[in-house]
């Protein structure tokens, strides 16, 4: 499985979008400062995730999300939370 995720850093008031085969490891790496792009944002909290069978499908969503804005991400996060 390939998972697209959105994580949030309250200290930075920032979101990060990524793709991982193992979401638990990816989140750990972000919080362990092992990812330079997110090293200053600890703690990072998972806000959204969606899994796909193929990497190609996951990359497609990841690119779509990265080309959208914060308002779109927050609406997506909110709608996903309502659907749970």
PDB file of N, CA and C in Angstrom:
ATOM      1  N   UNK A   1       0.838  -1.189   0.000  1.00  0.00           N
ATOM      2  CA  UNK A   1       0.000   0.000   0.000  1.00  0.00           C
ATOM      3  C   UNK A   1       0.882   1.252   0.000  1.00  0.00           C
ATOM      4  N   UNK A   2       0.359   2.284  -0.602  1.00  0.00           N
ATOM      5  CA  UNK A   2       1.026   3.580  -0.645  1.00  0.00           C
ATOM      6  C   UNK A   2       0.049   4.600  -0.078  1.00  0.00           C
ATOM      7  N   UNK A   3       0.518   5.393   0.865  1.00  0.00           N
ATOM      8  CA  UNK A   3      -0.367   6.314   1.569  1.00  0.00           C
ATOM      9  C   UNK A   3       0.060   7.758   1.364  1.00  0.00           C
ATOM     10  N   UNK A   4      -0.912   8.574   0.989  1.00  0.00           N
ATOM     11  CA  UNK A   4      -0.719  10.021   0.909  1.00  0.00           C
ATOM     12  C   UNK A   4      -1.205  10.578   2.240  1.00  0.00           C
ATOM     13  N   UNK A   5      -0.452  11.510   2.804  1.00  0.00           N
ATOM     14  CA  UNK A   5      -0.829  12.032   4.112  1.00  0.00           C
ATOM     15  C   UNK A   5      -0.615  13.542   4.188  1.00  0.00           C
ATOM     16  N   UNK A   6      -1.356  14.139   5.110  1.00  0.00           N
ATOM     17  CA  UNK A   6      -1.165  15.548   5.457  1.00  0.00           C
ATOM     18  C   UNK A   6      -0.894  15.579   6.950  1.00  0.00           C
ATOM     19  N   UNK A   7       0.222  16.193   7.319  1.00  0.00           N
ATOM     20  CA  UNK A   7       0.545  16.374   8.731  1.00  0.00           C
ATOM     21  C   UNK A   7       0.579  17.868   9.027  1.00  0.00           C
ATOM     22  N   UNK A   8       0.405  18.192  10.311  1.00  0.00           N
ATOM     23  CA  UNK A   8       0.315  19.594  10.719  1.00  0.00           C
ATOM     24  C   UNK A   8       1.254  19.852  11.891  1.00  0.00           C
ATOM     25  N   UNK A   9       1.919  21.011  11.846  1.00  0.00           N
ATOM     26  CA  UNK A   9       2.782  21.465  12.933  1.00  0.00           C
ATOM     27  C   UNK A   9       2.163  22.705  13.555  1.00  0.00           C
ATOM     28  N   UNK A  10       1.747  22.601  14.805  1.00  0.00           N
ATOM     29  CA  UNK A  10       1.187  23.773  15.492  1.00  0.00           C
ATOM     30  C   UNK A  10       2.239  24.858  15.722  1.00  0.00           C
ATOM     31  N   UNK A  11       3.473  24.511  16.135  1.00  0.00           N
ATOM     32  CA  UNK A  11       4.475  25.574  16.335  1.00  0.00           C
ATOM     33  C   UNK A  11       4.736  26.408  15.079  1.00  0.00           C
ATOM     34  N   UNK A  12       4.700  25.770  13.917  1.00  0.00           N
ATOM     35  CA  UNK A  12       4.930  26.493  12.660  1.00  0.00           C
ATOM     36  C   UNK A  12       3.631  26.954  12.006  1.00  0.00           C
ATOM     37  N   UNK A  13       2.508  26.428  12.488  1.00  0.00           N
ATOM     38  CA  UNK A  13       1.207  26.639  11.842  1.00  0.00           C
ATOM     39  C   UNK A  13       1.328  26.311  10.357  1.00  0.00           C
ATOM     40  N   UNK A  14       1.832  25.102  10.088  1.00  0.00           N
ATOM     41  CA  UNK A  14       2.120  24.701   8.711  1.00  0.00           C
ATOM     42  C   UNK A  14       1.708  23.252   8.473  1.00  0.00           C
ATOM     43  N   UNK A  15       1.386  22.974   7.215  1.00  0.00           N
ATOM     44  CA  UNK A  15       1.055  21.624   6.775  1.00  0.00           C
ATOM     45  C   UNK A  15       2.187  21.084   5.912  1.00  0.00           C
ATOM     46  N   UNK A  16       2.286  19.762   5.890  1.00  0.00           N
ATOM     47  CA  UNK A  16       3.230  19.083   5.002  1.00  0.00           C
ATOM     48  C   UNK A  16       2.482  17.918   4.365  1.00  0.00           C
ATOM     49  N   UNK A  17       2.647  17.759   3.067  1.00  0.00           N
ATOM     50  CA  UNK A  17       2.007  16.670   2.332  1.00  0.00           C
ATOM     51  C   UNK A  17       3.088  15.695   1.895  1.00  0.00           C
ATOM     52  N   UNK A  18       2.828  14.413   2.105  1.00  0.00           N
ATOM     53  CA  UNK A  18       3.818  13.423   1.723  1.00  0.00           C
ATOM     54  C   UNK A  18       3.188  12.123   1.264  1.00  0.00           C
ATOM     55  N   UNK A  19       4.053  11.204   0.869  1.00  0.00           N
ATOM     56  CA  UNK A  19       3.647   9.883   0.394  1.00  0.00           C
ATOM     57  C   UNK A  19       4.587   8.867   1.033  1.00  0.00           C
ATOM     58  N   UNK A  20       4.038   7.780   1.539  1.00  0.00           N
ATOM     59  CA  UNK A  20       4.876   6.777   2.204  1.00  0.00           C
ATOM     60  C   UNK A  20       4.297   5.381   2.022  1.00  0.00           C
ATOM     61  N   UNK A  21       5.177   4.409   2.079  1.00  0.00           N
ATOM     62  CA  UNK A  21       4.721   3.008   2.094  1.00  0.00           C
ATOM     63  C   UNK A  21       4.314   2.622   3.507  1.00  0.00           C
ATOM     64  N   UNK A  22       4.970   3.192   4.498  1.00  0.00           N
ATOM     65  CA  UNK A  22       4.652   2.900   5.899  1.00  0.00           C
ATOM     66  C   UNK A  22       4.407   4.222   6.617  1.00  0.00           C
ATOM     67  N   UNK A  23       3.160   4.524   6.877  1.00  0.00           N
ATOM     68  CA  UNK A  23       2.786   5.810   7.462  1.00  0.00           C
ATOM     69  C   UNK A  23       3.356   5.997   8.863  1.00  0.00           C
ATOM     70  N   UNK A  24       3.368   4.947   9.669  1.00  0.00           N
ATOM     71  CA  UNK A  24       3.904   5.057  11.033  1.00  0.00           C
ATOM     72  C   UNK A  24       5.379   5.462  11.009  1.00  0.00           C
ATOM     73  N   UNK A  25       6.146   4.854  10.125  1.00  0.00           N
ATOM     74  CA  UNK A  25       7.569   5.190  10.019  1.00  0.00           C
ATOM     75  C   UNK A  25       7.741   6.616   9.518  1.00  0.00           C
ATOM     76  N   UNK A  26       6.951   7.015   8.536  1.00  0.00           N
ATOM     77  CA  UNK A  26       7.053   8.381   8.000  1.00  0.00           C
ATOM     78  C   UNK A  26       6.776   9.408   9.089  1.00  0.00           C
ATOM     79  N   UNK A  27       5.727   9.200   9.872  1.00  0.00           N
ATOM     80  CA  UNK A  27       5.395  10.146  10.940  1.00  0.00           C
ATOM     81  C   UNK A  27       6.508  10.179  11.986  1.00  0.00           C
ATOM     82  N   UNK A  28       7.040   9.014  12.315  1.00  0.00           N
ATOM     83  CA  UNK A  28       8.151   8.964  13.266  1.00  0.00           C
ATOM     84  C   UNK A  28       9.344   9.761  12.725  1.00  0.00           C
ATOM     85  N   UNK A  29       9.661   9.588  11.444  1.00  0.00           N
ATOM     86  CA  UNK A  29      10.803  10.293  10.852  1.00  0.00           C
ATOM     87  C   UNK A  29      10.612  11.808  10.901  1.00  0.00           C
ATOM     88  N   UNK A  30       9.406  12.268  10.619  1.00  0.00           N
ATOM     89  CA  UNK A  30       9.149  13.709  10.681  1.00  0.00           C
ATOM     90  C   UNK A  30       9.357  14.227  12.106  1.00  0.00           C
ATOM     91  N   UNK A  31       8.904  13.481  13.088  1.00  0.00           N
ATOM     92  CA  UNK A  31       9.031  13.925  14.474  1.00  0.00           C
ATOM     93  C   UNK A  31      10.417  13.683  15.060  1.00  0.00           C
ATOM     94  N   UNK A  32      11.214  12.843  14.417  1.00  0.00           N
ATOM     95  CA  UNK A  32      12.586  12.591  14.865  1.00  0.00           C
ATOM     96  C   UNK A  32      13.577  13.530  14.178  1.00  0.00           C
ATOM     97  N   UNK A  33      13.047  14.472  13.426  1.00  0.00           N
ATOM     98  CA  UNK A  33      13.858  15.451  12.690  1.00  0.00           C
ATOM     99  C   UNK A  33      14.754  14.787  11.649  1.00  0.00           C
ATOM    100  N   UNK A  34      14.324  13.635  11.139  1.00  0.00           N
ATOM    101  CA  UNK A  34      15.094  12.919  10.125  1.00  0.00           C
ATOM    102  C   UNK A  34      14.781  13.411   8.712  1.00  0.00           C
ATOM    103  N   UNK A  35      13.771  14.257   8.591  1.00  0.00           N
ATOM    104  CA  UNK A  35      13.389  14.818   7.291  1.00  0.00           C
ATOM    105  C   UNK A  35      13.704  16.314   7.330  1.00  0.00           C
ATOM    106  N   UNK A  36      14.700  16.762   6.578  1.00  0.00           N
ATOM    107  CA  UNK A  36      15.112  18.171   6.650  1.00  0.00           C
ATOM    108  C   UNK A  36      13.976  19.173   6.435  1.00  0.00           C
ATOM    109  N   UNK A  37      13.050  18.868   5.552  1.00  0.00           N
ATOM    110  CA  UNK A  37      11.964  19.809   5.249  1.00  0.00           C
ATOM    111  C   UNK A  37      11.028  20.037   6.431  1.00  0.00           C
ATOM    112  N   UNK A  38      11.002  19.105   7.373  1.00  0.00           N
ATOM    113  CA  UNK A  38      10.078  19.229   8.502  1.00  0.00           C
ATOM    114  C   UNK A  38      10.784  19.243   9.859  1.00  0.00           C
ATOM    115  N   UNK A  39      12.090  19.365   9.853  1.00  0.00           N
ATOM    116  CA  UNK A  39      12.868  19.255  11.090  1.00  0.00           C
ATOM    117  C   UNK A  39      12.495  20.292  12.146  1.00  0.00           C
ATOM    118  N   UNK A  40      12.090  21.472  11.732  1.00  0.00           N
ATOM    119  CA  UNK A  40      11.799  22.534  12.698  1.00  0.00           C
ATOM    120  C   UNK A  40      10.364  22.531  13.205  1.00  0.00           C
ATOM    121  N   UNK A  41       9.524  21.624  12.729  1.00  0.00           N
ATOM    122  CA  UNK A  41       8.110  21.706  13.050  1.00  0.00           C
ATOM    123  C   UNK A  41       7.585  20.797  14.130  1.00  0.00           C
ATOM    124  N   UNK A  42       8.435  20.064  14.784  1.00  0.00           N
ATOM    125  CA  UNK A  42       8.021  19.088  15.785  1.00  0.00           C
ATOM    126  C   UNK A  42       7.157  19.726  16.860  1.00  0.00           C
ATOM    127  N   UNK A  43       6.069  19.127  17.261  1.00  0.00           N
ATOM    128  CA  UNK A  43       5.537  17.845  16.812  1.00  0.00           C
ATOM    129  C   UNK A  43       4.651  17.978  15.572  1.00  0.00           C
ATOM    130  N   UNK A  44       4.710  16.964  14.730  1.00  0.00           N
ATOM    131  CA  UNK A  44       3.843  16.859  13.554  1.00  0.00           C
ATOM    132  C   UNK A  44       2.723  15.893  13.893  1.00  0.00           C
ATOM    133  N   UNK A  45       1.504  16.279  13.547  1.00  0.00           N
ATOM    134  CA  UNK A  45       0.319  15.486  13.866  1.00  0.00           C
ATOM    135  C   UNK A  45      -0.378  15.098  12.567  1.00  0.00           C
ATOM    136  N   UNK A  46      -0.744  13.843  12.457  1.00  0.00           N
ATOM    137  CA  UNK A  46      -1.441  13.362  11.271  1.00  0.00           C
ATOM    138  C   UNK A  46      -2.849  13.939  11.229  1.00  0.00           C
ATOM    139  N   UNK A  47      -3.200  14.562  10.100  1.00  0.00           N
ATOM    140  CA  UNK A  47      -4.525  15.157   9.931  1.00  0.00           C
ATOM    141  C   UNK A  47      -5.354  14.449   8.868  1.00  0.00           C
ATOM    142  N   UNK A  48      -4.692  13.804   7.896  1.00  0.00           N
ATOM    143  CA  UNK A  48      -5.404  13.151   6.796  1.00  0.00           C
ATOM    144  C   UNK A  48      -4.505  12.078   6.206  1.00  0.00           C
ATOM    145  N   UNK A  49      -5.126  10.980   5.796  1.00  0.00           N
ATOM    146  CA  UNK A  49      -4.382   9.965   5.043  1.00  0.00           C
ATOM    147  C   UNK A  49      -5.339   9.198   4.144  1.00  0.00           C
ATOM    148  N   UNK A  50      -4.811   8.763   3.026  1.00  0.00           N
ATOM    149  CA  UNK A  50      -5.576   7.939   2.084  1.00  0.00           C
ATOM    150  C   UNK A  50      -4.607   6.962   1.439  1.00  0.00           C
ATOM    151  N   UNK A  51      -4.977   5.690   1.461  1.00  0.00           N
ATOM    152  CA  UNK A  51      -4.105   4.638   0.930  1.00  0.00           C
ATOM    153  C   UNK A  51      -4.562   4.175  -0.444  1.00  0.00           C
ATOM    154  N   UNK A  52      -3.572   3.753  -1.236  1.00  0.00           N
ATOM    155  CA  UNK A  52      -3.808   3.290  -2.600  1.00  0.00           C
ATOM    156  C   UNK A  52      -3.034   2.000  -2.834  1.00  0.00           C
ATOM    157  N   UNK A  53      -3.525   1.201  -3.750  1.00  0.00           N
ATOM    158  CA  UNK A  53      -2.843  -0.039  -4.115  1.00  0.00           C
ATOM    159  C   UNK A  53      -1.544   0.244  -4.862  1.00  0.00           C
ATOM    160  N   UNK A  54      -1.555   1.250  -5.731  1.00  0.00           N
ATOM    161  CA  UNK A  54      -0.368   1.516  -6.542  1.00  0.00           C
ATOM    162  C   UNK A  54       0.264   2.857  -6.193  1.00  0.00           C
ATOM    163  N   UNK A  55       1.563   2.927  -6.399  1.00  0.00           N
ATOM    164  CA  UNK A  55       2.294   4.171  -6.162  1.00  0.00           C
ATOM    165  C   UNK A  55       1.825   5.259  -7.130  1.00  0.00           C
ATOM    166  N   UNK A  56       1.515   4.864  -8.347  1.00  0.00           N
ATOM    167  CA  UNK A  56       1.071   5.829  -9.357  1.00  0.00           C
ATOM    168  C   UNK A  56      -0.199   6.552  -8.909  1.00  0.00           C
ATOM    169  N   UNK A  57      -1.155   5.810  -8.358  1.00  0.00           N
ATOM    170  CA  UNK A  57      -2.392   6.425  -7.856  1.00  0.00           C
ATOM    171  C   UNK A  57      -2.090   7.392  -6.713  1.00  0.00           C
ATOM    172  N   UNK A  58      -1.230   6.965  -5.810  1.00  0.00           N
ATOM    173  CA  UNK A  58      -0.883   7.804  -4.664  1.00  0.00           C
ATOM    174  C   UNK A  58      -0.156   9.069  -5.113  1.00  0.00           C
ATOM    175  N   UNK A  59       0.766   8.931  -6.046  1.00  0.00           N
ATOM    176  CA  UNK A  59       1.500  10.097  -6.545  1.00  0.00           C
ATOM    177  C   UNK A  59       0.564  11.093  -7.217  1.00  0.00           C
ATOM    178  N   UNK A  60      -0.453  10.597  -7.876  1.00  0.00           N
ATOM    179  CA  UNK A  60      -1.414  11.475  -8.532  1.00  0.00           C
ATOM    180  C   UNK A  60      -2.123  12.357  -7.504  1.00  0.00           C
ATOM    181  N   UNK A  61      -2.604  11.755  -6.413  1.00  0.00           N
ATOM    182  CA  UNK A  61      -3.258  12.551  -5.370  1.00  0.00           C
ATOM    183  C   UNK A  61      -2.261  13.485  -4.691  1.00  0.00           C
ATOM    184  N   UNK A  62      -1.065  12.986  -4.410  1.00  0.00           N
ATOM    185  CA  UNK A  62      -0.054  13.823  -3.760  1.00  0.00           C
ATOM    186  C   UNK A  62       0.210  15.090  -4.581  1.00  0.00           C
ATOM    187  N   UNK A  63       0.379  14.949  -5.873  1.00  0.00           N
ATOM    188  CA  UNK A  63       0.643  16.114  -6.729  1.00  0.00           C
ATOM    189  C   UNK A  63      -0.552  17.063  -6.772  1.00  0.00           C
ATOM    190  N   UNK A  64      -1.760  16.504  -6.830  1.00  0.00           N
ATOM    191  CA  UNK A  64      -2.957  17.351  -6.815  1.00  0.00           C
ATOM    192  C   UNK A  64      -3.020  18.162  -5.526  1.00  0.00           C
ATOM    193  N   UNK A  65      -2.753  17.514  -4.402  1.00  0.00           N
ATOM    194  CA  UNK A  65      -2.799  18.212  -3.116  1.00  0.00           C
ATOM    195  C   UNK A  65      -1.716  19.279  -3.015  1.00  0.00           C
ATOM    196  N   UNK A  66      -0.529  18.970  -3.491  1.00  0.00           N
ATOM    197  CA  UNK A  66       0.572  19.930  -3.402  1.00  0.00           C
ATOM    198  C   UNK A  66       0.323  21.169  -4.254  1.00  0.00           C
ATOM    199  N   UNK A  67      -0.556  21.047  -5.244  1.00  0.00           N
ATOM    200  CA  UNK A  67      -0.870  22.197  -6.090  1.00  0.00           C
ATOM    201  C   UNK A  67      -2.124  22.944  -5.625  1.00  0.00           C
ATOM    202  N   UNK A  68      -2.655  22.562  -4.486  1.00  0.00           N
ATOM    203  CA  UNK A  68      -3.816  23.247  -3.920  1.00  0.00           C
ATOM    204  C   UNK A  68      -3.352  24.136  -2.775  1.00  0.00           C
ATOM    205  N   UNK A  69      -4.291  24.855  -2.183  1.00  0.00           N
ATOM    206  CA  UNK A  69      -3.925  25.781  -1.113  1.00  0.00           C
ATOM    207  C   UNK A  69      -4.391  25.283   0.258  1.00  0.00           C
ATOM    208  N   UNK A  70      -3.994  26.011   1.261  1.00  0.00           N
ATOM    209  CA  UNK A  70      -4.296  25.668   2.647  1.00  0.00           C
ATOM    210  C   UNK A  70      -5.801  25.523   2.883  1.00  0.00           C
ATOM    211  N   UNK A  71      -6.580  26.428   2.317  1.00  0.00           N
ATOM    212  CA  UNK A  71      -8.036  26.370   2.491  1.00  0.00           C
ATOM    213  C   UNK A  71      -8.586  25.030   1.982  1.00  0.00           C
ATOM    214  N   UNK A  72      -8.106  24.586   0.841  1.00  0.00           N
ATOM    215  CA  UNK A  72      -8.537  23.299   0.292  1.00  0.00           C
ATOM    216  C   UNK A  72      -8.154  22.158   1.232  1.00  0.00           C
ATOM    217  N   UNK A  73      -6.910  22.174   1.726  1.00  0.00           N
ATOM    218  CA  UNK A  73      -6.448  21.106   2.627  1.00  0.00           C
ATOM    219  C   UNK A  73      -7.312  21.049   3.877  1.00  0.00           C
ATOM    220  N   UNK A  74      -7.608  22.219   4.458  1.00  0.00           N
ATOM    221  CA  UNK A  74      -8.392  22.249   5.692  1.00  0.00           C
ATOM    222  C   UNK A  74      -9.820  21.767   5.453  1.00  0.00           C
ATOM    223  N   UNK A  75     -10.389  22.080   4.294  1.00  0.00           N
ATOM    224  CA  UNK A  75     -11.721  21.566   3.961  1.00  0.00           C
ATOM    225  C   UNK A  75     -11.676  20.046   3.789  1.00  0.00           C
ATOM    226  N   UNK A  76     -10.629  19.548   3.155  1.00  0.00           N
ATOM    227  CA  UNK A  76     -10.462  18.103   2.984  1.00  0.00           C
ATOM    228  C   UNK A  76     -10.338  17.413   4.340  1.00  0.00           C
ATOM    229  N   UNK A  77      -9.524  17.967   5.208  1.00  0.00           N
ATOM    230  CA  UNK A  77      -9.329  17.404   6.550  1.00  0.00           C
ATOM    231  C   UNK A  77     -10.649  17.395   7.311  1.00  0.00           C
ATOM    232  N   UNK A  78     -11.375  18.494   7.238  1.00  0.00           N
ATOM    233  CA  UNK A  78     -12.660  18.596   7.939  1.00  0.00           C
ATOM    234  C   UNK A  78     -13.669  17.586   7.396  1.00  0.00           C
ATOM    235  N   UNK A  79     -13.758  17.471   6.081  1.00  0.00           N
ATOM    236  CA  UNK A  79     -14.730  16.538   5.497  1.00  0.00           C
ATOM    237  C   UNK A  79     -14.353  15.088   5.799  1.00  0.00           C
ATOM    238  N   UNK A  80     -13.069  14.794   5.858  1.00  0.00           N
ATOM    239  CA  UNK A  80     -12.624  13.437   6.203  1.00  0.00           C
ATOM    240  C   UNK A  80     -12.960  13.120   7.658  1.00  0.00           C
ATOM    241  N   UNK A  81     -12.829  14.115   8.543  1.00  0.00           N
ATOM    242  CA  UNK A  81     -13.138  13.914   9.962  1.00  0.00           C
ATOM    243  C   UNK A  81     -14.632  13.672  10.159  1.00  0.00           C
ATOM    244  N   UNK A  82     -15.452  14.362   9.397  1.00  0.00           N
ATOM    245  CA  UNK A  82     -16.903  14.193   9.489  1.00  0.00           C
ATOM    246  C   UNK A  82     -17.303  12.807   9.011  1.00  0.00           C
ATOM    247  N   UNK A  83     -16.605  12.297   8.010  1.00  0.00           N
ATOM    248  CA  UNK A  83     -16.925  10.993   7.440  1.00  0.00           C
ATOM    249  C   UNK A  83     -16.487   9.805   8.275  1.00  0.00           C
ATOM    250  N   UNK A  84     -15.735  10.029   9.331  1.00  0.00           N
ATOM    251  CA  UNK A  84     -15.218   8.912  10.134  1.00  0.00           C
ATOM    252  C   UNK A  84     -16.235   8.394  11.107  1.00  0.00           C
TER     253      UNK A  84
END
